[in-house]
Amino acid sequence: MDAAHVQPHRKPAGPGGESRKGRPPLSERRKAAARLDIAKAAVELFTTQGVEATSAGEIAEAVGISTRTLWRYFPSKEECVAPLLAYGAQRVSQRLGDWSADRPMIEALDDDLWLKDTDPGTLRVVLDLMRLTRTEPGLQSVWMRTSFDALPVVADALAARAGKPEADMESRVQAGMLVSAMHLALREYAWREPGETGPEPDEMLREAARIAIRGLPL
């Protein structure tokens, strides 16, 4: 695609539909940080003692809040992991939006910086969560819903780079391919059998992205 027709990623709209500039309000950042802390604590407990044996009260206690406050953030203990399951799609949309408009998008997806600025602790918990989804139906359900919910953000990033006023069917299908590819790459890594070796997560993410957009005009 001609670089002259490529537009930068649109900023998320504010409450009244106006374009929001800069970082989200402090209250939103704090809420997002609190949700991520809860998600990490939930995964730690689910990993050590199982989902069924873990109560919402234990998750709340682990992050220093009341169970009542926990329910304000999440409707169930399984839903507590949602912020971590959405992590990959958020990074994809951010990379697409931040990537220079005069450079091919494939370079953004094939770059070697996928995980270099990712907190190692967060990555470890995400991979632990991927392992749990293999045997925990409740977490699998949250994973599927979270993946579906993440599509509009990635579709908007793709549409913006293509110079479209809004995401269309093409953008949404491409978004579905990319989000699925990212999750499959992490799952392939996390679900390895004990002793099994292979590429590291960042290389698997790059390879998945290459496969997902192969042949597309991006």
N, C-alpha and C. Protein backbone atom coordinates (compact mmCIF):
# COMPACT_ATOMS: atom_id res chain seq x y z
N MET A 1 0.84 -1.20 0.00
CA MET A 1 0.00 0.00 0.00
C MET A 1 0.87 1.24 0.00
N ASP A 2 0.49 2.24 -0.80
CA ASP A 2 1.22 3.49 -0.88
C ASP A 2 1.26 4.15 0.49
N ALA A 3 2.46 4.54 0.95
CA ALA A 3 2.60 5.13 2.28
C ALA A 3 1.81 6.42 2.41
N ALA A 4 1.55 7.09 1.30
CA ALA A 4 0.82 8.36 1.36
C ALA A 4 -0.62 8.16 1.80
N HIS A 5 -1.14 6.93 1.63
CA HIS A 5 -2.52 6.66 2.00
C HIS A 5 -2.64 6.01 3.36
N VAL A 6 -1.50 5.84 4.04
CA VAL A 6 -1.51 5.20 5.35
C VAL A 6 -1.66 6.26 6.42
N GLN A 7 -2.58 6.07 7.32
CA GLN A 7 -2.83 7.02 8.40
C GLN A 7 -2.39 6.43 9.72
N PRO A 8 -1.99 7.26 10.68
CA PRO A 8 -1.62 6.75 12.00
C PRO A 8 -2.82 6.20 12.74
N HIS A 9 -2.54 5.39 13.73
CA HIS A 9 -3.59 4.77 14.55
C HIS A 9 -4.42 5.82 15.25
N ARG A 10 -5.73 5.70 15.17
CA ARG A 10 -6.63 6.63 15.85
C ARG A 10 -6.58 6.42 17.36
N LYS A 11 -6.68 7.51 18.09
CA LYS A 11 -6.74 7.44 19.54
C LYS A 11 -8.13 6.98 19.97
N PRO A 12 -8.24 6.25 21.07
CA PRO A 12 -9.56 5.83 21.54
C PRO A 12 -10.45 7.03 21.78
N ALA A 13 -11.71 6.86 21.53
CA ALA A 13 -12.66 7.96 21.71
C ALA A 13 -12.96 8.17 23.17
N GLY A 14 -13.20 9.40 23.55
CA GLY A 14 -13.58 9.72 24.91
C GLY A 14 -15.04 9.43 25.14
N PRO A 15 -15.57 9.70 26.34
CA PRO A 15 -16.95 9.39 26.69
C PRO A 15 -17.97 10.01 25.74
N GLY A 16 -17.68 11.18 25.21
CA GLY A 16 -18.63 11.84 24.32
C GLY A 16 -18.36 11.59 22.86
N GLY A 17 -17.42 10.66 22.55
CA GLY A 17 -17.10 10.35 21.18
C GLY A 17 -15.94 11.16 20.63
N GLU A 18 -15.45 12.15 21.40
CA GLU A 18 -14.36 12.97 20.92
C GLU A 18 -13.06 12.17 21.00
N SER A 19 -12.08 12.59 20.21
CA SER A 19 -10.80 11.89 20.21
C SER A 19 -10.07 12.18 21.51
N ARG A 20 -9.55 11.13 22.12
CA ARG A 20 -8.82 11.29 23.38
C ARG A 20 -7.33 11.33 23.07
N LYS A 21 -6.66 12.33 23.57
CA LYS A 21 -5.23 12.48 23.32
C LYS A 21 -4.44 12.13 24.56
N GLY A 22 -3.23 11.58 24.31
CA GLY A 22 -2.34 11.28 25.42
C GLY A 22 -2.76 10.05 26.20
N ARG A 23 -2.26 9.96 27.41
CA ARG A 23 -2.50 8.81 28.25
C ARG A 23 -3.91 8.85 28.85
N PRO A 24 -4.45 7.68 29.22
CA PRO A 24 -5.78 7.66 29.84
C PRO A 24 -5.74 8.40 31.17
N PRO A 25 -6.89 8.88 31.67
CA PRO A 25 -6.92 9.55 32.97
C PRO A 25 -6.34 8.68 34.06
N LEU A 26 -5.83 9.33 35.11
CA LEU A 26 -5.18 8.60 36.19
C LEU A 26 -6.11 7.56 36.80
N SER A 27 -7.39 7.88 36.95
CA SER A 27 -8.33 6.94 37.55
C SER A 27 -8.43 5.66 36.70
N GLU A 28 -8.40 5.81 35.38
CA GLU A 28 -8.47 4.64 34.51
C GLU A 28 -7.20 3.81 34.61
N ARG A 29 -6.05 4.49 34.68
CA ARG A 29 -4.77 3.77 34.79
C ARG A 29 -4.71 3.00 36.11
N ARG A 30 -5.21 3.63 37.17
CA ARG A 30 -5.21 2.95 38.48
C ARG A 30 -6.13 1.74 38.45
N LYS A 31 -7.28 1.89 37.83
CA LYS A 31 -8.22 0.78 37.75
C LYS A 31 -7.62 -0.36 36.93
N ALA A 32 -6.96 -0.02 35.81
CA ALA A 32 -6.33 -1.04 34.98
C ALA A 32 -5.22 -1.74 35.74
N ALA A 33 -4.43 -0.97 36.51
CA ALA A 33 -3.35 -1.56 37.29
C ALA A 33 -3.90 -2.48 38.37
N ALA A 34 -5.00 -2.07 39.01
CA ALA A 34 -5.61 -2.90 40.04
C ALA A 34 -6.14 -4.20 39.44
N ARG A 35 -6.76 -4.11 38.27
CA ARG A 35 -7.28 -5.30 37.61
C ARG A 35 -6.14 -6.26 37.26
N LEU A 36 -5.02 -5.71 36.81
CA LEU A 36 -3.88 -6.56 36.46
C LEU A 36 -3.29 -7.22 37.70
N ASP A 37 -3.23 -6.49 38.81
CA ASP A 37 -2.73 -7.08 40.06
C ASP A 37 -3.63 -8.24 40.51
N ILE A 38 -4.93 -8.04 40.39
CA ILE A 38 -5.87 -9.11 40.76
C ILE A 38 -5.69 -10.31 39.86
N ALA A 39 -5.52 -10.06 38.57
CA ALA A 39 -5.33 -11.15 37.61
C ALA A 39 -4.09 -11.97 37.94
N LYS A 40 -3.00 -11.29 38.24
CA LYS A 40 -1.75 -12.00 38.57
C LYS A 40 -1.91 -12.83 39.84
N ALA A 41 -2.56 -12.25 40.84
CA ALA A 41 -2.77 -12.98 42.10
C ALA A 41 -3.65 -14.20 41.86
N ALA A 42 -4.67 -14.05 41.04
CA ALA A 42 -5.57 -15.17 40.75
C ALA A 42 -4.81 -16.30 40.08
N VAL A 43 -3.98 -15.98 39.10
CA VAL A 43 -3.22 -17.02 38.41
C VAL A 43 -2.26 -17.73 39.35
N GLU A 44 -1.61 -16.96 40.21
CA GLU A 44 -0.69 -17.57 41.18
C GLU A 44 -1.43 -18.59 42.05
N LEU A 45 -2.60 -18.21 42.53
CA LEU A 45 -3.38 -19.10 43.39
C LEU A 45 -3.94 -20.28 42.60
N PHE A 46 -4.44 -20.02 41.40
CA PHE A 46 -4.97 -21.10 40.57
C PHE A 46 -3.89 -22.12 40.24
N THR A 47 -2.66 -21.63 40.03
CA THR A 47 -1.56 -22.52 39.67
C THR A 47 -1.14 -23.40 40.84
N THR A 48 -1.12 -22.82 42.03
CA THR A 48 -0.64 -23.56 43.19
C THR A 48 -1.68 -24.47 43.83
N GLN A 49 -2.97 -24.08 43.76
CA GLN A 49 -3.97 -24.88 44.45
C GLN A 49 -5.20 -25.23 43.62
N GLY A 50 -5.22 -24.81 42.34
CA GLY A 50 -6.33 -25.15 41.47
C GLY A 50 -7.44 -24.12 41.51
N VAL A 51 -8.19 -24.04 40.42
CA VAL A 51 -9.27 -23.04 40.34
C VAL A 51 -10.39 -23.36 41.33
N GLU A 52 -10.81 -24.61 41.36
CA GLU A 52 -11.93 -24.99 42.21
C GLU A 52 -11.63 -24.77 43.68
N ALA A 53 -10.38 -25.00 44.08
CA ALA A 53 -10.01 -24.88 45.49
C ALA A 53 -9.72 -23.44 45.91
N THR A 54 -9.71 -22.53 44.97
CA THR A 54 -9.40 -21.13 45.26
C THR A 54 -10.69 -20.33 45.38
N SER A 55 -10.81 -19.57 46.44
CA SER A 55 -12.01 -18.75 46.63
C SER A 55 -11.73 -17.30 46.23
N ALA A 56 -12.79 -16.58 45.96
CA ALA A 56 -12.66 -15.16 45.64
C ALA A 56 -12.04 -14.40 46.82
N GLY A 57 -12.38 -14.84 48.03
CA GLY A 57 -11.82 -14.20 49.21
C GLY A 57 -10.32 -14.32 49.28
N GLU A 58 -9.79 -15.46 48.86
CA GLU A 58 -8.34 -15.66 48.88
C GLU A 58 -7.66 -14.75 47.85
N ILE A 59 -8.29 -14.60 46.70
CA ILE A 59 -7.72 -13.71 45.69
C ILE A 59 -7.72 -12.27 46.20
N ALA A 60 -8.84 -11.87 46.79
CA ALA A 60 -8.93 -10.51 47.33
C ALA A 60 -7.89 -10.27 48.41
N GLU A 61 -7.74 -11.24 49.29
CA GLU A 61 -6.77 -11.11 50.38
C GLU A 61 -5.35 -10.98 49.84
N ALA A 62 -5.05 -11.68 48.75
CA ALA A 62 -3.71 -11.66 48.18
C ALA A 62 -3.30 -10.28 47.67
N VAL A 63 -4.30 -9.47 47.30
CA VAL A 63 -3.99 -8.13 46.80
C VAL A 63 -4.40 -7.04 47.78
N GLY A 64 -4.86 -7.45 48.96
CA GLY A 64 -5.17 -6.48 50.00
C GLY A 64 -6.46 -5.72 49.82
N ILE A 65 -7.47 -6.36 49.24
CA ILE A 65 -8.77 -5.71 49.10
C ILE A 65 -9.84 -6.62 49.68
N SER A 66 -11.06 -6.11 49.82
CA SER A 66 -12.15 -6.93 50.31
C SER A 66 -12.76 -7.73 49.17
N THR A 67 -13.46 -8.81 49.52
CA THR A 67 -14.14 -9.59 48.49
C THR A 67 -15.20 -8.74 47.79
N ARG A 68 -15.84 -7.86 48.54
CA ARG A 68 -16.84 -6.99 47.95
C ARG A 68 -16.22 -6.09 46.87
N THR A 69 -15.02 -5.59 47.14
CA THR A 69 -14.33 -4.76 46.15
C THR A 69 -13.94 -5.59 44.94
N LEU A 70 -13.53 -6.82 45.16
CA LEU A 70 -13.18 -7.71 44.05
C LEU A 70 -14.34 -7.86 43.09
N TRP A 71 -15.56 -8.03 43.64
CA TRP A 71 -16.74 -8.20 42.79
C TRP A 71 -17.05 -6.95 41.98
N ARG A 72 -16.55 -5.81 42.39
CA ARG A 72 -16.74 -4.59 41.62
C ARG A 72 -15.90 -4.61 40.34
N TYR A 73 -14.81 -5.36 40.39
CA TYR A 73 -13.94 -5.47 39.23
C TYR A 73 -14.31 -6.64 38.32
N PHE A 74 -14.71 -7.76 38.91
CA PHE A 74 -14.97 -8.97 38.13
C PHE A 74 -16.22 -9.69 38.64
N PRO A 75 -17.01 -10.28 37.73
CA PRO A 75 -18.25 -10.96 38.13
C PRO A 75 -18.04 -12.37 38.66
N SER A 76 -16.85 -12.94 38.46
CA SER A 76 -16.56 -14.29 38.95
C SER A 76 -15.07 -14.43 39.16
N LYS A 77 -14.67 -15.45 39.91
CA LYS A 77 -13.24 -15.62 40.15
C LYS A 77 -12.51 -15.99 38.87
N GLU A 78 -13.16 -16.74 37.96
CA GLU A 78 -12.51 -17.08 36.70
C GLU A 78 -12.26 -15.84 35.84
N GLU A 79 -13.20 -14.89 35.90
CA GLU A 79 -13.06 -13.67 35.10
C GLU A 79 -11.89 -12.81 35.56
N CYS A 80 -11.37 -13.08 36.75
CA CYS A 80 -10.25 -12.29 37.26
C CYS A 80 -9.03 -12.35 36.35
N VAL A 81 -8.91 -13.40 35.54
CA VAL A 81 -7.72 -13.55 34.69
C VAL A 81 -7.85 -12.80 33.37
N ALA A 82 -9.00 -12.21 33.08
CA ALA A 82 -9.25 -11.59 31.78
C ALA A 82 -8.20 -10.56 31.36
N PRO A 83 -7.73 -9.69 32.26
CA PRO A 83 -6.73 -8.70 31.82
C PRO A 83 -5.47 -9.33 31.25
N LEU A 84 -5.06 -10.47 31.76
CA LEU A 84 -3.87 -11.14 31.24
C LEU A 84 -4.15 -11.79 29.89
N LEU A 85 -5.35 -12.29 29.69
CA LEU A 85 -5.70 -12.90 28.41
C LEU A 85 -5.83 -11.85 27.32
N ALA A 86 -6.15 -10.62 27.70
CA ALA A 86 -6.25 -9.53 26.73
C ALA A 86 -4.91 -8.86 26.46
N TYR A 87 -3.89 -9.24 27.21
CA TYR A 87 -2.59 -8.57 27.15
C TYR A 87 -1.98 -8.62 25.75
N GLY A 88 -2.02 -9.79 25.12
CA GLY A 88 -1.41 -9.94 23.80
C GLY A 88 -2.06 -9.06 22.75
N ALA A 89 -3.40 -9.05 22.71
CA ALA A 89 -4.11 -8.25 21.73
C ALA A 89 -3.85 -6.76 21.94
N GLN A 90 -3.73 -6.35 23.20
CA GLN A 90 -3.45 -4.95 23.48
C GLN A 90 -2.07 -4.55 22.95
N ARG A 91 -1.10 -5.45 23.09
CA ARG A 91 0.24 -5.15 22.60
C ARG A 91 0.26 -5.10 21.07
N VAL A 92 -0.51 -5.98 20.43
CA VAL A 92 -0.57 -5.96 18.97
C VAL A 92 -1.12 -4.63 18.48
N SER A 93 -2.25 -4.20 19.04
CA SER A 93 -2.86 -2.95 18.59
C SER A 93 -1.94 -1.76 18.88
N GLN A 94 -1.23 -1.80 20.01
CA GLN A 94 -0.32 -0.70 20.35
C GLN A 94 0.84 -0.64 19.35
N ARG A 95 1.39 -1.81 19.00
CA ARG A 95 2.51 -1.84 18.06
C ARG A 95 2.07 -1.32 16.69
N LEU A 96 0.91 -1.73 16.26
CA LEU A 96 0.42 -1.28 14.96
C LEU A 96 0.18 0.22 14.95
N GLY A 97 -0.33 0.73 16.08
CA GLY A 97 -0.61 2.16 16.15
C GLY A 97 0.64 3.01 16.26
N ASP A 98 1.66 2.48 16.95
CA ASP A 98 2.89 3.24 17.15
C ASP A 98 3.87 3.14 15.99
N TRP A 99 3.67 2.12 15.13
CA TRP A 99 4.63 1.89 14.05
C TRP A 99 4.54 3.02 13.02
N SER A 100 5.71 3.48 12.56
CA SER A 100 5.77 4.59 11.61
C SER A 100 4.91 4.30 10.38
N ALA A 101 4.11 5.27 9.99
CA ALA A 101 3.18 5.09 8.87
C ALA A 101 3.88 4.88 7.54
N ASP A 102 5.15 5.28 7.42
CA ASP A 102 5.84 5.12 6.15
C ASP A 102 6.64 3.82 6.08
N ARG A 103 6.42 2.92 7.05
CA ARG A 103 7.10 1.62 7.03
C ARG A 103 6.04 0.52 6.92
N PRO A 104 6.33 -0.54 6.15
CA PRO A 104 5.36 -1.62 5.98
C PRO A 104 4.97 -2.24 7.31
N MET A 105 3.70 -2.58 7.46
CA MET A 105 3.23 -3.13 8.71
C MET A 105 3.87 -4.48 9.04
N ILE A 106 4.23 -5.24 8.01
CA ILE A 106 4.87 -6.52 8.26
C ILE A 106 6.13 -6.35 9.08
N GLU A 107 6.81 -5.20 8.93
CA GLU A 107 8.01 -4.96 9.71
C GLU A 107 7.67 -4.80 11.20
N ALA A 108 6.52 -4.22 11.50
CA ALA A 108 6.11 -4.07 12.90
C ALA A 108 5.86 -5.43 13.53
N LEU A 109 5.27 -6.34 12.75
CA LEU A 109 4.95 -7.66 13.28
C LEU A 109 6.15 -8.59 13.27
N ASP A 110 7.15 -8.27 12.45
CA ASP A 110 8.32 -9.13 12.32
C ASP A 110 9.52 -8.56 13.06
N ASP A 111 9.29 -7.52 13.84
CA ASP A 111 10.36 -6.86 14.57
C ASP A 111 10.85 -7.75 15.71
N ASP A 112 12.06 -7.51 16.18
CA ASP A 112 12.64 -8.36 17.23
C ASP A 112 12.42 -7.79 18.63
N LEU A 113 11.53 -6.81 18.76
CA LEU A 113 11.30 -6.18 20.06
C LEU A 113 9.98 -6.60 20.69
N TRP A 114 9.40 -7.69 20.21
CA TRP A 114 8.08 -8.10 20.69
C TRP A 114 7.98 -8.14 22.21
N LEU A 115 8.95 -8.78 22.84
CA LEU A 115 8.84 -9.01 24.28
C LEU A 115 9.95 -8.35 25.09
N LYS A 116 10.83 -7.61 24.43
CA LYS A 116 11.97 -7.05 25.15
C LYS A 116 11.56 -6.00 26.18
N ASP A 117 10.44 -5.33 25.95
CA ASP A 117 9.99 -4.33 26.92
C ASP A 117 8.83 -4.85 27.77
N THR A 118 8.66 -6.17 27.77
CA THR A 118 7.61 -6.79 28.58
C THR A 118 8.19 -7.19 29.93
N ASP A 119 7.47 -6.88 30.98
CA ASP A 119 7.90 -7.27 32.31
C ASP A 119 8.00 -8.79 32.38
N PRO A 120 9.17 -9.34 32.73
CA PRO A 120 9.34 -10.79 32.77
C PRO A 120 8.33 -11.48 33.69
N GLY A 121 8.00 -10.81 34.79
CA GLY A 121 7.03 -11.40 35.71
C GLY A 121 5.66 -11.52 35.08
N THR A 122 5.26 -10.50 34.32
CA THR A 122 3.97 -10.55 33.65
C THR A 122 3.95 -11.65 32.60
N LEU A 123 5.02 -11.77 31.83
CA LEU A 123 5.10 -12.82 30.81
C LEU A 123 5.02 -14.20 31.44
N ARG A 124 5.70 -14.37 32.56
CA ARG A 124 5.67 -15.69 33.24
C ARG A 124 4.25 -16.04 33.66
N VAL A 125 3.52 -15.05 34.21
CA VAL A 125 2.16 -15.31 34.66
C VAL A 125 1.24 -15.60 33.47
N VAL A 126 1.43 -14.88 32.36
CA VAL A 126 0.63 -15.13 31.16
C VAL A 126 0.84 -16.58 30.69
N LEU A 127 2.08 -17.03 30.68
CA LEU A 127 2.36 -18.40 30.24
C LEU A 127 1.79 -19.42 31.22
N ASP A 128 1.85 -19.11 32.51
CA ASP A 128 1.22 -20.00 33.52
C ASP A 128 -0.28 -20.10 33.26
N LEU A 129 -0.88 -18.96 32.91
CA LEU A 129 -2.31 -18.95 32.62
C LEU A 129 -2.62 -19.77 31.37
N MET A 130 -1.78 -19.65 30.35
CA MET A 130 -1.97 -20.46 29.15
C MET A 130 -1.96 -21.95 29.47
N ARG A 131 -1.09 -22.34 30.39
CA ARG A 131 -1.03 -23.76 30.79
C ARG A 131 -2.32 -24.16 31.50
N LEU A 132 -2.85 -23.27 32.31
CA LEU A 132 -4.08 -23.59 33.04
C LEU A 132 -5.27 -23.76 32.10
N THR A 133 -5.30 -23.00 31.00
CA THR A 133 -6.44 -23.11 30.10
C THR A 133 -6.53 -24.50 29.46
N ARG A 134 -5.47 -25.25 29.54
CA ARG A 134 -5.47 -26.59 28.94
C ARG A 134 -6.38 -27.55 29.70
N THR A 135 -6.54 -27.31 31.00
CA THR A 135 -7.29 -28.25 31.84
C THR A 135 -8.46 -27.62 32.58
N GLU A 136 -8.61 -26.31 32.50
CA GLU A 136 -9.66 -25.61 33.25
C GLU A 136 -10.70 -25.04 32.30
N PRO A 137 -11.86 -25.68 32.15
CA PRO A 137 -12.89 -25.22 31.22
C PRO A 137 -13.35 -23.79 31.48
N GLY A 138 -13.44 -23.40 32.76
CA GLY A 138 -13.88 -22.05 33.09
C GLY A 138 -12.93 -21.00 32.53
N LEU A 139 -11.63 -21.27 32.61
CA LEU A 139 -10.64 -20.33 32.08
C LEU A 139 -10.63 -20.36 30.56
N GLN A 140 -10.88 -21.51 29.97
CA GLN A 140 -10.97 -21.60 28.52
C GLN A 140 -12.11 -20.71 28.01
N SER A 141 -13.22 -20.72 28.74
CA SER A 141 -14.37 -19.90 28.35
C SER A 141 -14.03 -18.41 28.41
N VAL A 142 -13.33 -18.00 29.46
CA VAL A 142 -12.93 -16.61 29.59
C VAL A 142 -11.97 -16.24 28.46
N TRP A 143 -11.08 -17.15 28.12
CA TRP A 143 -10.11 -16.92 27.04
C TRP A 143 -10.83 -16.66 25.72
N MET A 144 -11.83 -17.49 25.41
CA MET A 144 -12.57 -17.33 24.15
C MET A 144 -13.30 -15.99 24.11
N ARG A 145 -13.96 -15.62 25.22
CA ARG A 145 -14.68 -14.36 25.24
C ARG A 145 -13.74 -13.18 25.14
N THR A 146 -12.62 -13.25 25.85
CA THR A 146 -11.66 -12.15 25.84
C THR A 146 -11.07 -11.96 24.45
N SER A 147 -10.80 -13.07 23.76
CA SER A 147 -10.27 -12.98 22.41
C SER A 147 -11.26 -12.27 21.49
N PHE A 148 -12.53 -12.62 21.63
CA PHE A 148 -13.56 -12.00 20.79
C PHE A 148 -13.69 -10.51 21.12
N ASP A 149 -13.64 -10.18 22.40
CA ASP A 149 -13.78 -8.78 22.81
C ASP A 149 -12.61 -7.92 22.35
N ALA A 150 -11.44 -8.55 22.13
CA ALA A 150 -10.24 -7.80 21.75
C ALA A 150 -10.23 -7.43 20.27
N LEU A 151 -11.06 -8.06 19.47
CA LEU A 151 -11.01 -7.86 18.02
C LEU A 151 -11.24 -6.42 17.57
N PRO A 152 -12.23 -5.69 18.12
CA PRO A 152 -12.47 -4.32 17.63
C PRO A 152 -11.26 -3.40 17.76
N VAL A 153 -10.49 -3.54 18.85
CA VAL A 153 -9.33 -2.67 19.05
C VAL A 153 -8.29 -2.91 17.97
N VAL A 154 -8.00 -4.18 17.69
CA VAL A 154 -7.02 -4.51 16.66
C VAL A 154 -7.56 -4.14 15.28
N ALA A 155 -8.85 -4.38 15.04
CA ALA A 155 -9.46 -4.02 13.76
C ALA A 155 -9.37 -2.52 13.51
N ASP A 156 -9.58 -1.72 14.55
CA ASP A 156 -9.46 -0.26 14.41
C ASP A 156 -8.03 0.13 14.02
N ALA A 157 -7.03 -0.52 14.63
CA ALA A 157 -5.64 -0.22 14.31
C ALA A 157 -5.33 -0.56 12.86
N LEU A 158 -5.84 -1.70 12.40
CA LEU A 158 -5.62 -2.10 11.01
C LEU A 158 -6.32 -1.15 10.04
N ALA A 159 -7.55 -0.78 10.37
CA ALA A 159 -8.30 0.13 9.51
C ALA A 159 -7.62 1.49 9.41
N ALA A 160 -7.12 1.99 10.53
CA ALA A 160 -6.46 3.29 10.54
C ALA A 160 -5.23 3.28 9.65
N ARG A 161 -4.46 2.23 9.72
CA ARG A 161 -3.25 2.14 8.89
C ARG A 161 -3.60 2.03 7.41
N ALA A 162 -4.77 1.46 7.11
CA ALA A 162 -5.19 1.32 5.72
C ALA A 162 -5.89 2.58 5.21
N GLY A 163 -6.02 3.61 6.06
CA GLY A 163 -6.64 4.85 5.64
C GLY A 163 -8.15 4.79 5.59
N LYS A 164 -8.74 3.82 6.31
CA LYS A 164 -10.19 3.69 6.30
C LYS A 164 -10.79 4.49 7.46
N PRO A 165 -11.96 5.10 7.26
CA PRO A 165 -12.58 5.88 8.33
C PRO A 165 -13.01 5.03 9.52
N GLU A 166 -13.28 3.75 9.29
CA GLU A 166 -13.65 2.84 10.38
C GLU A 166 -13.38 1.41 9.94
N ALA A 167 -13.37 0.51 10.91
CA ALA A 167 -13.09 -0.89 10.61
C ALA A 167 -14.23 -1.49 9.78
N ASP A 168 -13.86 -2.23 8.74
CA ASP A 168 -14.84 -2.92 7.93
C ASP A 168 -14.63 -4.43 8.06
N MET A 169 -15.34 -5.20 7.25
CA MET A 169 -15.23 -6.65 7.35
C MET A 169 -13.80 -7.12 7.14
N GLU A 170 -13.11 -6.53 6.17
CA GLU A 170 -11.73 -6.92 5.90
C GLU A 170 -10.86 -6.70 7.13
N SER A 171 -11.00 -5.54 7.76
CA SER A 171 -10.20 -5.22 8.95
C SER A 171 -10.52 -6.18 10.09
N ARG A 172 -11.79 -6.51 10.26
CA ARG A 172 -12.19 -7.39 11.36
C ARG A 172 -11.68 -8.83 11.13
N VAL A 173 -11.73 -9.28 9.88
CA VAL A 173 -11.21 -10.63 9.59
C VAL A 173 -9.71 -10.67 9.82
N GLN A 174 -9.00 -9.65 9.36
CA GLN A 174 -7.55 -9.58 9.58
C GLN A 174 -7.23 -9.54 11.07
N ALA A 175 -8.04 -8.78 11.83
CA ALA A 175 -7.84 -8.70 13.27
C ALA A 175 -8.03 -10.07 13.90
N GLY A 176 -9.07 -10.79 13.48
CA GLY A 176 -9.31 -12.12 14.02
C GLY A 176 -8.14 -13.05 13.77
N MET A 177 -7.56 -12.95 12.58
CA MET A 177 -6.41 -13.78 12.25
C MET A 177 -5.21 -13.46 13.14
N LEU A 178 -4.95 -12.18 13.33
CA LEU A 178 -3.79 -11.79 14.13
C LEU A 178 -3.95 -12.16 15.60
N VAL A 179 -5.13 -11.86 16.16
CA VAL A 179 -5.35 -12.17 17.57
C VAL A 179 -5.27 -13.68 17.80
N SER A 180 -5.88 -14.45 16.93
CA SER A 180 -5.82 -15.91 17.06
C SER A 180 -4.39 -16.40 16.94
N ALA A 181 -3.64 -15.81 16.01
CA ALA A 181 -2.25 -16.22 15.81
C ALA A 181 -1.41 -15.97 17.06
N MET A 182 -1.60 -14.81 17.69
CA MET A 182 -0.83 -14.48 18.90
C MET A 182 -1.14 -15.47 20.03
N HIS A 183 -2.42 -15.74 20.22
CA HIS A 183 -2.81 -16.66 21.29
C HIS A 183 -2.33 -18.08 21.02
N LEU A 184 -2.41 -18.49 19.76
CA LEU A 184 -1.96 -19.83 19.42
C LEU A 184 -0.45 -19.97 19.62
N ALA A 185 0.30 -18.92 19.30
CA ALA A 185 1.75 -18.97 19.49
C ALA A 185 2.10 -19.16 20.96
N LEU A 186 1.45 -18.37 21.83
CA LEU A 186 1.73 -18.51 23.27
C LEU A 186 1.25 -19.85 23.79
N ARG A 187 0.12 -20.33 23.28
CA ARG A 187 -0.38 -21.63 23.73
C ARG A 187 0.56 -22.75 23.31
N GLU A 188 1.06 -22.67 22.06
CA GLU A 188 1.99 -23.70 21.58
C GLU A 188 3.22 -23.77 22.49
N TYR A 189 3.69 -22.59 22.91
CA TYR A 189 4.86 -22.56 23.79
C TYR A 189 4.52 -23.10 25.17
N ALA A 190 3.41 -22.60 25.72
CA ALA A 190 3.05 -22.97 27.10
C ALA A 190 2.65 -24.43 27.22
N TRP A 191 2.11 -25.02 26.17
CA TRP A 191 1.62 -26.39 26.24
C TRP A 191 2.67 -27.44 25.88
N ARG A 192 3.90 -27.04 25.77
CA ARG A 192 4.94 -28.02 25.49
C ARG A 192 5.02 -29.06 26.61
N GLU A 193 5.35 -30.26 26.20
CA GLU A 193 5.52 -31.32 27.18
C GLU A 193 6.81 -31.10 27.96
N PRO A 194 6.91 -31.62 29.20
CA PRO A 194 8.14 -31.46 29.98
C PRO A 194 9.36 -31.97 29.21
N GLY A 195 10.38 -31.14 29.13
CA GLY A 195 11.59 -31.52 28.43
C GLY A 195 11.58 -31.17 26.95
N GLU A 196 10.42 -30.80 26.42
CA GLU A 196 10.33 -30.45 25.00
C GLU A 196 10.97 -29.09 24.76
N THR A 197 11.73 -28.97 23.69
CA THR A 197 12.41 -27.72 23.37
C THR A 197 11.87 -27.14 22.07
N GLY A 198 12.22 -25.89 21.83
CA GLY A 198 11.77 -25.23 20.61
C GLY A 198 12.04 -23.75 20.69
N PRO A 199 11.50 -22.98 19.73
CA PRO A 199 11.72 -21.53 19.71
C PRO A 199 11.22 -20.84 20.97
N GLU A 200 11.80 -19.69 21.27
CA GLU A 200 11.36 -18.89 22.40
C GLU A 200 10.05 -18.17 22.03
N PRO A 201 9.31 -17.66 23.05
CA PRO A 201 8.01 -17.02 22.78
C PRO A 201 8.05 -15.91 21.75
N ASP A 202 9.08 -15.03 21.79
CA ASP A 202 9.10 -13.91 20.85
C ASP A 202 9.22 -14.39 19.40
N GLU A 203 10.03 -15.43 19.17
CA GLU A 203 10.15 -15.95 17.82
C GLU A 203 8.86 -16.63 17.37
N MET A 204 8.18 -17.30 18.30
CA MET A 204 6.92 -17.94 17.96
C MET A 204 5.85 -16.90 17.62
N LEU A 205 5.86 -15.77 18.33
CA LEU A 205 4.92 -14.69 18.02
C LEU A 205 5.19 -14.12 16.63
N ARG A 206 6.45 -13.91 16.30
CA ARG A 206 6.79 -13.38 14.98
C ARG A 206 6.37 -14.35 13.89
N GLU A 207 6.65 -15.63 14.09
CA GLU A 207 6.30 -16.62 13.08
C GLU A 207 4.78 -16.69 12.90
N ALA A 208 4.05 -16.63 14.00
CA ALA A 208 2.59 -16.66 13.92
C ALA A 208 2.06 -15.46 13.15
N ALA A 209 2.66 -14.29 13.38
CA ALA A 209 2.24 -13.08 12.67
C ALA A 209 2.53 -13.21 11.18
N ARG A 210 3.68 -13.76 10.84
CA ARG A 210 4.03 -13.95 9.42
C ARG A 210 2.99 -14.84 8.74
N ILE A 211 2.63 -15.92 9.42
CA ILE A 211 1.65 -16.86 8.84
C ILE A 211 0.29 -16.19 8.69
N ALA A 212 -0.11 -15.43 9.72
CA ALA A 212 -1.44 -14.83 9.72
C ALA A 212 -1.64 -13.84 8.59
N ILE A 213 -0.63 -13.05 8.26
CA ILE A 213 -0.83 -12.00 7.26
C ILE A 213 -0.19 -12.35 5.92
N ARG A 214 0.24 -13.59 5.76
CA ARG A 214 0.84 -14.01 4.50
C ARG A 214 -0.14 -13.80 3.34
N GLY A 215 0.28 -13.06 2.35
CA GLY A 215 -0.56 -12.86 1.18
C GLY A 215 -1.54 -11.70 1.29
N LEU A 216 -1.63 -11.08 2.48
CA LEU A 216 -2.54 -9.95 2.63
C LEU A 216 -1.84 -8.65 2.22
N PRO A 217 -2.55 -7.69 1.68
CA PRO A 217 -1.94 -6.42 1.23
C PRO A 217 -1.67 -5.48 2.38
N LEU A 218 -0.74 -5.88 3.27
CA LEU A 218 -0.44 -5.07 4.44
C LEU A 218 1.02 -4.65 4.46
